């Protein structure tokens, strides 16, 4: 599964059986946007701070599945995170969210890892239901690094934090396994990987806090 990107791996574990993100709660959508932004940031084509997202370079070919998000933030001035999350979580049509989900979903369909599914009242929307083998590939990768004393990589740390904040771990790991994973991450302490864990947690929690703040505006 290491040939998949962070956003692709996260989406495989975040969607429901119909290949869609749940409408109740915004956590999984916020974490999908966070995964996509982090992926673009690591590729050097966007910069992300606590308030703004700024395009800093062209979209790499390997991140073509994130073109909808890149196109949305690619504007003359930096876009505020509030505006970004508002468009992806609190709109009537869910157009931006659906476009990103479908773009990532199509990239996974091309690899044979998901099955396109017609969803919605009139079947006009698409879902991308992961194959059992695709989910097992991601879950086994996480288990090998965090439950079997394997080498812990930056990508898996990021994925686990996103899945934990997006409430995606429970379907795939027991309560005992989740506790073990958290203990393993905490045990990293002041090591470079441990500091990276803390930075990743702060990164996602900042996105969540902004999304929660928007609830007051739309409730």
C-alpha atoms as a PDB file:
ATOM      1  CA  UNK A   1       0.000   0.000   0.000  1.00  0.00           C
ATOM      2  CA  UNK A   2       2.944   2.333   0.156  1.00  0.00           C
ATOM      3  CA  UNK A   3       2.436   3.220  -3.490  1.00  0.00           C
ATOM      4  CA  UNK A   4      -0.802   4.954  -2.446  1.00  0.00           C
ATOM      5  CA  UNK A   5      -0.854   8.507  -1.172  1.00  0.00           C
ATOM      6  CA  UNK A   6      -2.050   9.684   2.232  1.00  0.00           C
ATOM      7  CA  UNK A   7      -5.409  10.958   0.957  1.00  0.00           C
ATOM      8  CA  UNK A   8      -6.040   7.735  -0.976  1.00  0.00           C
ATOM      9  CA  UNK A   9      -5.291   5.557   2.053  1.00  0.00           C
ATOM     10  CA  UNK A  10      -7.424   7.727   4.323  1.00  0.00           C
ATOM     11  CA  UNK A  11     -10.403   7.684   1.946  1.00  0.00           C
ATOM     12  CA  UNK A  12     -10.339   3.877   1.749  1.00  0.00           C
ATOM     13  CA  UNK A  13     -10.888   3.711   5.514  1.00  0.00           C
ATOM     14  CA  UNK A  14     -13.174   6.753   5.895  1.00  0.00           C
ATOM     15  CA  UNK A  15     -16.035   5.976   3.517  1.00  0.00           C
ATOM     16  CA  UNK A  16     -19.059   3.850   4.392  1.00  0.00           C
ATOM     17  CA  UNK A  17     -20.227   0.689   2.627  1.00  0.00           C
ATOM     18  CA  UNK A  18     -21.632   2.800  -0.221  1.00  0.00           C
ATOM     19  CA  UNK A  19     -18.322   4.561  -0.689  1.00  0.00           C
ATOM     20  CA  UNK A  20     -19.508   7.897   0.700  1.00  0.00           C
ATOM     21  CA  UNK A  21     -18.484  10.069   3.632  1.00  0.00           C
ATOM     22  CA  UNK A  22     -21.194  10.159   6.320  1.00  0.00           C
ATOM     23  CA  UNK A  23     -23.389  13.268   6.432  1.00  0.00           C
ATOM     24  CA  UNK A  24     -23.717  13.251  10.211  1.00  0.00           C
ATOM     25  CA  UNK A  25     -20.725  15.039  11.715  1.00  0.00           C
ATOM     26  CA  UNK A  26     -17.950  16.758   9.813  1.00  0.00           C
ATOM     27  CA  UNK A  27     -14.962  14.960  11.321  1.00  0.00           C
ATOM     28  CA  UNK A  28     -14.284  12.596   8.432  1.00  0.00           C
ATOM     29  CA  UNK A  29     -14.655  15.342   5.837  1.00  0.00           C
ATOM     30  CA  UNK A  30     -12.372  17.700   7.771  1.00  0.00           C
ATOM     31  CA  UNK A  31      -9.756  14.959   8.044  1.00  0.00           C
ATOM     32  CA  UNK A  32     -10.024  14.221   4.312  1.00  0.00           C
ATOM     33  CA  UNK A  33      -9.328  17.891   3.559  1.00  0.00           C
ATOM     34  CA  UNK A  34      -6.498  17.850   6.122  1.00  0.00           C
ATOM     35  CA  UNK A  35      -4.985  14.744   4.490  1.00  0.00           C
ATOM     36  CA  UNK A  36      -5.177  16.315   1.044  1.00  0.00           C
ATOM     37  CA  UNK A  37      -3.665  19.607   2.213  1.00  0.00           C
ATOM     38  CA  UNK A  38      -0.855  17.812   4.025  1.00  0.00           C
ATOM     39  CA  UNK A  39      -0.124  15.784   0.912  1.00  0.00           C
ATOM     40  CA  UNK A  40       0.054  18.947  -1.203  1.00  0.00           C
ATOM     41  CA  UNK A  41       2.183  20.640   1.446  1.00  0.00           C
ATOM     42  CA  UNK A  42       4.680  17.769   1.509  1.00  0.00           C
ATOM     43  CA  UNK A  43       4.929  18.001  -2.288  1.00  0.00           C
ATOM     44  CA  UNK A  44       5.823  21.682  -1.967  1.00  0.00           C
ATOM     45  CA  UNK A  45       2.887  23.041  -3.966  1.00  0.00           C
ATOM     46  CA  UNK A  46       0.975  24.628  -1.084  1.00  0.00           C
ATOM     47  CA  UNK A  47       1.923  26.197   2.231  1.00  0.00           C
ATOM     48  CA  UNK A  48      -0.392  25.799   5.230  1.00  0.00           C
ATOM     49  CA  UNK A  49      -0.298  27.783   8.461  1.00  0.00           C
ATOM     50  CA  UNK A  50      -2.851  28.223  11.243  1.00  0.00           C
ATOM     51  CA  UNK A  51      -4.964  30.705   9.269  1.00  0.00           C
ATOM     52  CA  UNK A  52      -4.179  30.487   5.556  1.00  0.00           C
ATOM     53  CA  UNK A  53      -3.507  28.139   2.657  1.00  0.00           C
ATOM     54  CA  UNK A  54      -1.248  29.474  -0.095  1.00  0.00           C
ATOM     55  CA  UNK A  55      -0.314  27.912  -3.445  1.00  0.00           C
ATOM     56  CA  UNK A  56       3.471  27.853  -3.816  1.00  0.00           C
ATOM     57  CA  UNK A  57       4.031  25.752  -6.931  1.00  0.00           C
ATOM     58  CA  UNK A  58       2.446  23.696  -9.727  1.00  0.00           C
ATOM     59  CA  UNK A  59       0.491  20.534  -8.987  1.00  0.00           C
ATOM     60  CA  UNK A  60       2.718  17.448  -9.401  1.00  0.00           C
ATOM     61  CA  UNK A  61       1.478  14.730 -11.734  1.00  0.00           C
ATOM     62  CA  UNK A  62       1.439  12.259  -8.852  1.00  0.00           C
ATOM     63  CA  UNK A  63      -1.147  14.394  -7.057  1.00  0.00           C
ATOM     64  CA  UNK A  64      -3.552  14.737 -10.000  1.00  0.00           C
ATOM     65  CA  UNK A  65      -6.295  13.185  -7.836  1.00  0.00           C
ATOM     66  CA  UNK A  66      -6.148  16.345  -5.688  1.00  0.00           C
ATOM     67  CA  UNK A  67      -6.668  18.719  -8.609  1.00  0.00           C
ATOM     68  CA  UNK A  68     -10.132  19.875  -7.394  1.00  0.00           C
ATOM     69  CA  UNK A  69      -8.726  21.040  -4.051  1.00  0.00           C
ATOM     70  CA  UNK A  70      -5.627  22.535  -5.652  1.00  0.00           C
ATOM     71  CA  UNK A  71      -7.784  24.438  -8.146  1.00  0.00           C
ATOM     72  CA  UNK A  72      -9.979  25.751  -5.325  1.00  0.00           C
ATOM     73  CA  UNK A  73      -7.054  27.195  -3.348  1.00  0.00           C
ATOM     74  CA  UNK A  74      -5.119  28.361  -6.411  1.00  0.00           C
ATOM     75  CA  UNK A  75      -6.013  32.058  -6.333  1.00  0.00           C
ATOM     76  CA  UNK A  76      -4.097  35.355  -6.312  1.00  0.00           C
ATOM     77  CA  UNK A  77      -4.313  35.742  -2.532  1.00  0.00           C
ATOM     78  CA  UNK A  78      -4.049  33.110   0.229  1.00  0.00           C
ATOM     79  CA  UNK A  79      -7.380  31.606   1.206  1.00  0.00           C
ATOM     80  CA  UNK A  80      -8.446  31.523   4.845  1.00  0.00           C
ATOM     81  CA  UNK A  81      -8.934  28.077   6.330  1.00  0.00           C
ATOM     82  CA  UNK A  82     -12.409  29.120   7.514  1.00  0.00           C
ATOM     83  CA  UNK A  83     -13.453  29.796   3.916  1.00  0.00           C
ATOM     84  CA  UNK A  84     -11.963  26.516   2.740  1.00  0.00           C
ATOM     85  CA  UNK A  85     -13.659  24.413   5.414  1.00  0.00           C
ATOM     86  CA  UNK A  86     -16.920  26.294   4.977  1.00  0.00           C
ATOM     87  CA  UNK A  87     -17.033  25.277   1.317  1.00  0.00           C
ATOM     88  CA  UNK A  88     -16.175  21.654   2.071  1.00  0.00           C
ATOM     89  CA  UNK A  89     -18.390  21.076   5.099  1.00  0.00           C
ATOM     90  CA  UNK A  90     -21.294  23.530   5.386  1.00  0.00           C
ATOM     91  CA  UNK A  91     -22.811  23.941   1.925  1.00  0.00           C
ATOM     92  CA  UNK A  92     -26.198  22.661   0.776  1.00  0.00           C
ATOM     93  CA  UNK A  93     -24.919  20.950  -2.359  1.00  0.00           C
ATOM     94  CA  UNK A  94     -21.674  19.434  -1.008  1.00  0.00           C
ATOM     95  CA  UNK A  95     -20.262  20.214  -4.465  1.00  0.00           C
ATOM     96  CA  UNK A  96     -16.650  20.822  -3.411  1.00  0.00           C
ATOM     97  CA  UNK A  97     -16.570  17.806  -1.118  1.00  0.00           C
ATOM     98  CA  UNK A  98     -18.120  15.538  -3.744  1.00  0.00           C
ATOM     99  CA  UNK A  99     -15.714  16.713  -6.432  1.00  0.00           C
ATOM    100  CA  UNK A 100     -12.710  15.915  -4.242  1.00  0.00           C
ATOM    101  CA  UNK A 101     -14.137  12.566  -3.156  1.00  0.00           C
ATOM    102  CA  UNK A 102     -14.890  11.585  -6.749  1.00  0.00           C
ATOM    103  CA  UNK A 103     -11.439  12.618  -7.972  1.00  0.00           C
ATOM    104  CA  UNK A 104      -9.692  10.528  -5.315  1.00  0.00           C
ATOM    105  CA  UNK A 105     -12.241   7.759  -5.830  1.00  0.00           C
ATOM    106  CA  UNK A 106     -11.586   7.611  -9.580  1.00  0.00           C
ATOM    107  CA  UNK A 107      -7.858   7.327  -8.962  1.00  0.00           C
ATOM    108  CA  UNK A 108      -8.516   4.344  -6.698  1.00  0.00           C
ATOM    109  CA  UNK A 109     -10.944   2.815  -9.213  1.00  0.00           C
ATOM    110  CA  UNK A 110      -8.206   2.979 -11.836  1.00  0.00           C
ATOM    111  CA  UNK A 111      -6.104   0.825  -9.499  1.00  0.00           C
ATOM    112  CA  UNK A 112      -8.945  -1.650  -8.956  1.00  0.00           C
ATOM    113  CA  UNK A 113      -9.188  -0.796  -5.250  1.00  0.00           C
ATOM    114  CA  UNK A 114     -12.773   0.518  -5.218  1.00  0.00           C
ATOM    115  CA  UNK A 115     -16.019  -0.155  -7.046  1.00  0.00           C
ATOM    116  CA  UNK A 116     -18.060   2.835  -8.344  1.00  0.00           C
ATOM    117  CA  UNK A 117     -21.573   2.863  -6.860  1.00  0.00           C
ATOM    118  CA  UNK A 118     -24.560   5.042  -7.765  1.00  0.00           C
ATOM    119  CA  UNK A 119     -25.979   6.679  -4.646  1.00  0.00           C
ATOM    120  CA  UNK A 120     -28.482   9.373  -3.714  1.00  0.00           C
ATOM    121  CA  UNK A 121     -32.244   9.526  -4.200  1.00  0.00           C
ATOM    122  CA  UNK A 122     -31.979   9.569  -7.990  1.00  0.00           C
ATOM    123  CA  UNK A 123     -28.671   7.759  -8.265  1.00  0.00           C
ATOM    124  CA  UNK A 124     -27.015  10.885  -9.634  1.00  0.00           C
ATOM    125  CA  UNK A 125     -24.111  10.856  -7.207  1.00  0.00           C
ATOM    126  CA  UNK A 126     -21.230   8.414  -7.127  1.00  0.00           C
ATOM    127  CA  UNK A 127     -19.723   6.499  -4.282  1.00  0.00           C
ATOM    128  CA  UNK A 128     -16.531   4.465  -4.362  1.00  0.00           C
ATOM    129  CA  UNK A 129     -16.840   1.342  -2.240  1.00  0.00           C
ATOM    130  CA  UNK A 130     -13.434  -0.103  -1.266  1.00  0.00           C
ATOM    131  CA  UNK A 131     -12.686  -3.742  -1.912  1.00  0.00           C
ATOM    132  CA  UNK A 132     -11.963  -5.860   1.185  1.00  0.00           C
ATOM    133  CA  UNK A 133      -8.425  -6.386  -0.110  1.00  0.00           C
ATOM    134  CA  UNK A 134      -7.823  -2.634  -0.353  1.00  0.00           C
ATOM    135  CA  UNK A 135      -8.920  -2.026   3.228  1.00  0.00           C
ATOM    136  CA  UNK A 136      -6.905  -4.999   4.460  1.00  0.00           C
ATOM    137  CA  UNK A 137      -3.817  -3.608   2.752  1.00  0.00           C
ATOM    138  CA  UNK A 138      -4.052  -0.321   4.654  1.00  0.00           C
ATOM    139  CA  UNK A 139      -5.011  -1.907   7.974  1.00  0.00           C
ATOM    140  CA  UNK A 140      -2.245  -4.516   7.750  1.00  0.00           C
ATOM    141  CA  UNK A 141       0.293  -1.768   6.997  1.00  0.00           C
ATOM    142  CA  UNK A 142      -0.753   0.144  10.123  1.00  0.00           C
ATOM    143  CA  UNK A 143      -0.736  -3.012  12.208  1.00  0.00           C
ATOM    144  CA  UNK A 144       2.763  -3.964  11.023  1.00  0.00           C
ATOM    145  CA  UNK A 145       4.218  -0.630  12.138  1.00  0.00           C
ATOM    146  CA  UNK A 146       2.305   0.173  15.314  1.00  0.00           C
ATOM    147  CA  UNK A 147       1.274  -3.220  16.700  1.00  0.00           C
ATOM    148  CA  UNK A 148       4.169  -5.430  15.615  1.00  0.00           C
ATOM    149  CA  UNK A 149       7.181  -3.279  16.505  1.00  0.00           C
ATOM    150  CA  UNK A 150       7.917  -2.343  12.915  1.00  0.00           C
ATOM    151  CA  UNK A 151       9.674   0.824  11.820  1.00  0.00           C
ATOM    152  CA  UNK A 152       7.303   3.758  12.229  1.00  0.00           C
ATOM    153  CA  UNK A 153       7.118   5.966   9.147  1.00  0.00           C
ATOM    154  CA  UNK A 154       5.837   9.522   8.789  1.00  0.00           C
ATOM    155  CA  UNK A 155       3.054   8.469   6.442  1.00  0.00           C
ATOM    156  CA  UNK A 156       1.617   5.885   8.835  1.00  0.00           C
ATOM    157  CA  UNK A 157       1.827   8.290  11.776  1.00  0.00           C
ATOM    158  CA  UNK A 158      -0.100  10.878   9.760  1.00  0.00           C
ATOM    159  CA  UNK A 159      -2.653   8.300   8.631  1.00  0.00           C
ATOM    160  CA  UNK A 160      -3.296   7.014  12.160  1.00  0.00           C
ATOM    161  CA  UNK A 161      -3.737  10.525  13.563  1.00  0.00           C
ATOM    162  CA  UNK A 162      -6.188  11.376  10.775  1.00  0.00           C
ATOM    163  CA  UNK A 163      -8.125   8.149  11.292  1.00  0.00           C
ATOM    164  CA  UNK A 164      -8.248   8.683  15.055  1.00  0.00           C
ATOM    165  CA  UNK A 165      -9.486  12.274  14.734  1.00  0.00           C
ATOM    166  CA  UNK A 166     -11.931  11.241  12.017  1.00  0.00           C
ATOM    167  CA  UNK A 167     -13.340   8.386  14.135  1.00  0.00           C
ATOM    168  CA  UNK A 168     -12.208   5.786  11.596  1.00  0.00           C
ATOM    169  CA  UNK A 169     -10.178   3.405  13.767  1.00  0.00           C
ATOM    170  CA  UNK A 170     -13.028   1.609  15.545  1.00  0.00           C
ATOM    171  CA  UNK A 171     -14.278  -0.431  12.545  1.00  0.00           C
ATOM    172  CA  UNK A 172     -10.820  -1.878  11.940  1.00  0.00           C
ATOM    173  CA  UNK A 173      -9.078  -2.097  15.321  1.00  0.00           C
ATOM    174  CA  UNK A 174     -10.267  -3.335  18.704  1.00  0.00           C
ATOM    175  CA  UNK A 175     -10.276  -1.040  21.730  1.00  0.00           C
ATOM    176  CA  UNK A 176      -7.202  -2.881  22.983  1.00  0.00           C
ATOM    177  CA  UNK A 177      -5.372  -2.381  19.677  1.00  0.00           C
ATOM    178  CA  UNK A 178      -6.268   1.306  19.615  1.00  0.00           C
ATOM    179  CA  UNK A 179      -4.887   1.664  23.138  1.00  0.00           C
ATOM    180  CA  UNK A 180      -1.689  -0.111  22.079  1.00  0.00           C
ATOM    181  CA  UNK A 181      -1.253   2.223  19.111  1.00  0.00           C
ATOM    182  CA  UNK A 182      -1.682   5.324  21.251  1.00  0.00           C
ATOM    183  CA  UNK A 183       0.805   3.977  23.797  1.00  0.00           C
ATOM    184  CA  UNK A 184       3.318   3.248  21.027  1.00  0.00           C
ATOM    185  CA  UNK A 185       3.019   6.789  19.677  1.00  0.00           C
ATOM    186  CA  UNK A 186       3.304   8.337  23.154  1.00  0.00           C
ATOM    187  CA  UNK A 187       6.394   6.221  23.878  1.00  0.00           C
ATOM    188  CA  UNK A 188       8.226   7.974  21.063  1.00  0.00           C
ATOM    189  CA  UNK A 189       8.613  10.942  23.405  1.00  0.00           C
ATOM    190  CA  UNK A 190      11.092  13.598  22.279  1.00  0.00           C
ATOM    191  CA  UNK A 191      12.405  11.637  19.308  1.00  0.00           C
ATOM    192  CA  UNK A 192      12.034  13.212  15.853  1.00  0.00           C
ATOM    193  CA  UNK A 193       9.109  10.882  15.167  1.00  0.00           C
ATOM    194  CA  UNK A 194       7.533  11.784  18.512  1.00  0.00           C
ATOM    195  CA  UNK A 195       7.733  15.475  17.720  1.00  0.00           C
ATOM    196  CA  UNK A 196       6.230  14.780  14.317  1.00  0.00           C
ATOM    197  CA  UNK A 197       3.306  13.015  16.030  1.00  0.00           C
ATOM    198  CA  UNK A 198       2.647  16.082  18.171  1.00  0.00           C
ATOM    199  CA  UNK A 199       2.868  18.408  15.157  1.00  0.00           C
ATOM    200  CA  UNK A 200       0.427  16.218  13.243  1.00  0.00           C
ATOM    201  CA  UNK A 201      -2.028  16.176  16.152  1.00  0.00           C
ATOM    202  CA  UNK A 202      -1.855  19.960  16.421  1.00  0.00           C
ATOM    203  CA  UNK A 203      -2.314  20.299  12.654  1.00  0.00           C
ATOM    204  CA  UNK A 204      -5.522  18.236  12.621  1.00  0.00           C
ATOM    205  CA  UNK A 205      -6.855  19.727  15.854  1.00  0.00           C
ATOM    206  CA  UNK A 206      -6.445  23.222  14.380  1.00  0.00           C
ATOM    207  CA  UNK A 207      -8.582  22.165  11.407  1.00  0.00           C
ATOM    208  CA  UNK A 208     -11.175  20.622  13.739  1.00  0.00           C
ATOM    209  CA  UNK A 209     -11.322  23.736  15.912  1.00  0.00           C
ATOM    210  CA  UNK A 210     -12.000  25.909  12.863  1.00  0.00           C
ATOM    211  CA  UNK A 211     -14.746  23.535  11.706  1.00  0.00           C
ATOM    212  CA  UNK A 212     -16.340  23.516  15.164  1.00  0.00           C
ATOM    213  CA  UNK A 213     -16.243  27.313  15.196  1.00  0.00           C
ATOM    214  CA  UNK A 214     -18.265  27.324  11.976  1.00  0.00           C
ATOM    215  CA  UNK A 215     -21.044  25.322  13.626  1.00  0.00           C
ATOM    216  CA  UNK A 216     -22.173  28.415  15.530  1.00  0.00           C
ATOM    217  CA  UNK A 217     -22.555  30.283  12.243  1.00  0.00           C
ATOM    218  CA  UNK A 218     -24.660  27.561  10.569  1.00  0.00           C
ATOM    219  CA  UNK A 219     -26.710  26.354  13.544  1.00  0.00           C
END
